[in-house]
Amino acid sequence: MSPFYGYLPRRLAGTNLNYVIAKNSLYADPLVPYLPELIERKGLIYPVGDQEMSFITLEDSAEAMAKMAVSEKYLKSRRSYLLTQARSYTMPELGAVMTK
């Protein structure tokens, strides 16, 4: 992924091409089928300590990318966008959401 996140944006910035780059935060969708194993382990196993993590669903990501693909505003922006949800969660907060 390093070439994509580092090299490609620099190369594009050095051209006259119009572009938009969409980067996703972590996908939330795999967490649901993973829930039984997480319950068995008695916790979320992301090694982030007290840090918050941000997620996005595949559906929300696809919707955002589709909007970007048909919008002149984004296609000519020559920018990168991080696709994520409105807020981030600590592991205890994420666990509470997942067990509702």
Protein backbone atom coordinates (compact mmCIF):
# COMPACT_ATOMS: atom_id res chain seq x y z
CA MET A 1 0.00 0.00 0.00
CA SER A 2 2.95 2.32 0.49
CA PRO A 3 3.31 3.03 -3.25
CA PHE A 4 -0.34 4.03 -3.40
CA TYR A 5 -0.39 6.24 -0.33
CA GLY A 6 2.99 7.87 -0.85
CA TYR A 7 4.31 7.62 -4.38
CA LEU A 8 1.15 7.90 -6.48
CA PRO A 9 -0.21 11.14 -4.97
CA ARG A 10 3.18 12.83 -5.40
CA ARG A 11 3.40 11.68 -9.00
CA LEU A 12 -0.13 12.87 -9.78
CA ALA A 13 0.54 16.24 -8.14
CA GLY A 14 3.43 16.73 -10.56
CA THR A 15 1.16 16.37 -13.60
CA ASN A 16 -1.58 18.44 -15.21
CA LEU A 17 -4.09 15.60 -14.78
CA ASN A 18 -7.32 16.10 -12.90
CA TYR A 19 -7.77 13.45 -10.23
CA VAL A 20 -9.35 12.57 -6.93
CA ILE A 21 -8.06 9.94 -4.50
CA ALA A 22 -10.40 8.27 -2.02
CA LYS A 23 -8.86 6.52 0.98
CA ASN A 24 -11.01 4.41 3.28
CA SER A 25 -10.71 4.11 7.00
CA LEU A 26 -11.16 0.58 8.37
CA TYR A 27 -14.18 -1.31 7.09
CA ALA A 28 -16.81 -1.91 9.76
CA ASP A 29 -18.57 -4.70 7.85
CA PRO A 30 -16.19 -7.55 8.87
CA LEU A 31 -16.82 -6.80 12.55
CA VAL A 32 -20.35 -8.23 12.50
CA PRO A 33 -19.48 -11.79 11.39
CA TYR A 34 -16.42 -11.62 13.66
CA LEU A 35 -18.59 -10.83 16.71
CA PRO A 36 -18.93 -14.44 18.02
CA GLU A 37 -15.15 -14.83 18.10
CA LEU A 38 -14.73 -11.47 19.82
CA ILE A 39 -17.26 -12.48 22.47
CA GLU A 40 -15.39 -15.75 23.00
CA ARG A 41 -12.12 -13.83 23.40
CA LYS A 42 -13.91 -11.39 25.73
CA GLY A 43 -12.70 -8.30 23.95
CA LEU A 44 -11.72 -6.46 20.83
CA ILE A 45 -8.20 -7.27 19.80
CA TYR A 46 -7.10 -4.14 17.96
CA PRO A 47 -3.77 -3.13 19.56
CA VAL A 48 -4.58 0.56 19.89
CA GLY A 49 -4.68 1.10 23.65
CA ASP A 50 -6.89 4.08 24.48
CA GLN A 51 -6.75 5.51 20.97
CA GLU A 52 -9.90 5.95 18.93
CA MET A 53 -10.36 4.19 15.61
CA SER A 54 -12.49 5.25 12.69
CA PHE A 55 -14.54 2.92 10.50
CA ILE A 56 -16.72 3.06 7.40
CA THR A 57 -19.15 0.59 5.86
CA LEU A 58 -18.66 -0.75 2.36
CA GLU A 59 -22.01 0.76 1.40
CA ASP A 60 -21.10 4.24 2.67
CA SER A 61 -17.71 4.01 0.97
CA ALA A 62 -19.26 2.96 -2.34
CA GLU A 63 -21.81 5.77 -2.14
CA ALA A 64 -19.12 8.37 -1.48
CA MET A 65 -16.93 7.07 -4.32
CA ALA A 66 -19.87 7.03 -6.72
CA LYS A 67 -20.63 10.67 -5.87
CA MET A 68 -16.99 11.56 -6.43
CA ALA A 69 -16.93 9.75 -9.78
CA VAL A 70 -19.75 11.85 -11.22
CA SER A 71 -18.89 15.20 -9.65
CA GLU A 72 -16.73 17.68 -11.55
CA LYS A 73 -16.02 19.37 -8.22
CA TYR A 74 -14.25 16.27 -6.92
CA LEU A 75 -12.81 14.99 -10.19
CA LYS A 76 -10.99 18.27 -10.74
CA SER A 77 -10.06 18.80 -7.09
CA ARG A 78 -6.57 17.22 -7.33
CA ARG A 79 -7.00 16.13 -3.71
CA SER A 80 -7.11 13.05 -1.51
CA TYR A 81 -10.10 12.43 0.74
CA LEU A 82 -10.32 10.11 3.73
CA LEU A 83 -13.67 8.35 3.79
CA THR A 84 -14.80 7.72 7.34
CA GLN A 85 -17.77 8.01 9.66
CA ALA A 86 -18.68 11.09 11.64
CA ARG A 87 -16.90 9.94 14.81
CA SER A 88 -14.23 7.57 16.01
CA TYR A 89 -14.55 4.95 18.75
CA THR A 90 -12.35 3.64 21.52
CA MET A 91 -12.40 -0.14 21.87
CA PRO A 92 -14.79 -0.04 24.89
CA GLU A 93 -17.14 2.27 22.95
CA LEU A 94 -16.99 0.03 19.88
CA GLY A 95 -17.69 -3.02 22.05
CA ALA A 96 -20.74 -1.30 23.53
CA VAL A 97 -22.07 -0.47 20.06
CA MET A 98 -21.47 -4.01 18.79
CA THR A 99 -23.30 -5.65 21.69
CA LYS A 100 -26.48 -3.57 21.46
